[in-house]
Amino acid sequence: GQRVERAVHERGSSEKSVVQVAVDSHSTTVMLPPGRKWVLRFHLPTGVEGGNVESSGLRLPKTFVRPANAALTVPAIGVGAAPAPGSGGVVEVRVAQSAVEQKVLFSHHAVENHVV
């Protein structure tokens, strides 16, 4: 599998959080630092709409965002934004603020190109 760390910068601030992501052929594990809410977006290959998201053994509610129907003139960025036409959809999940580090597991089949 692949492991990466991403620094997520807060808007309007010099504050940043480091998120750890591990990807293998059937899952993506995201380690989230404490102290803030999170929205995770898992980009799926074309034709895939499934997957389960869990944290602390509990299944989290998720939203599936379908690709846009028409060409985009500006890149779609942010919560609820539709991916480009012809691409796969996005599974979006909101993670509540916690006082401790949280482990979020997205189980899937052949998911690629993850973005936090």
Foldseek 3Di string as FASTA:
>chain_A
DDKDWDWAADPPDRDTWIKIWDDDQWKIKIKGFADFKDKFKFFFFAPDFDWWKDKPRDTFDKDKAAADPDADPDQFDDPNTHHHPPGGIIIMTIGGGDPGIIMMMITGHRGDDGDD
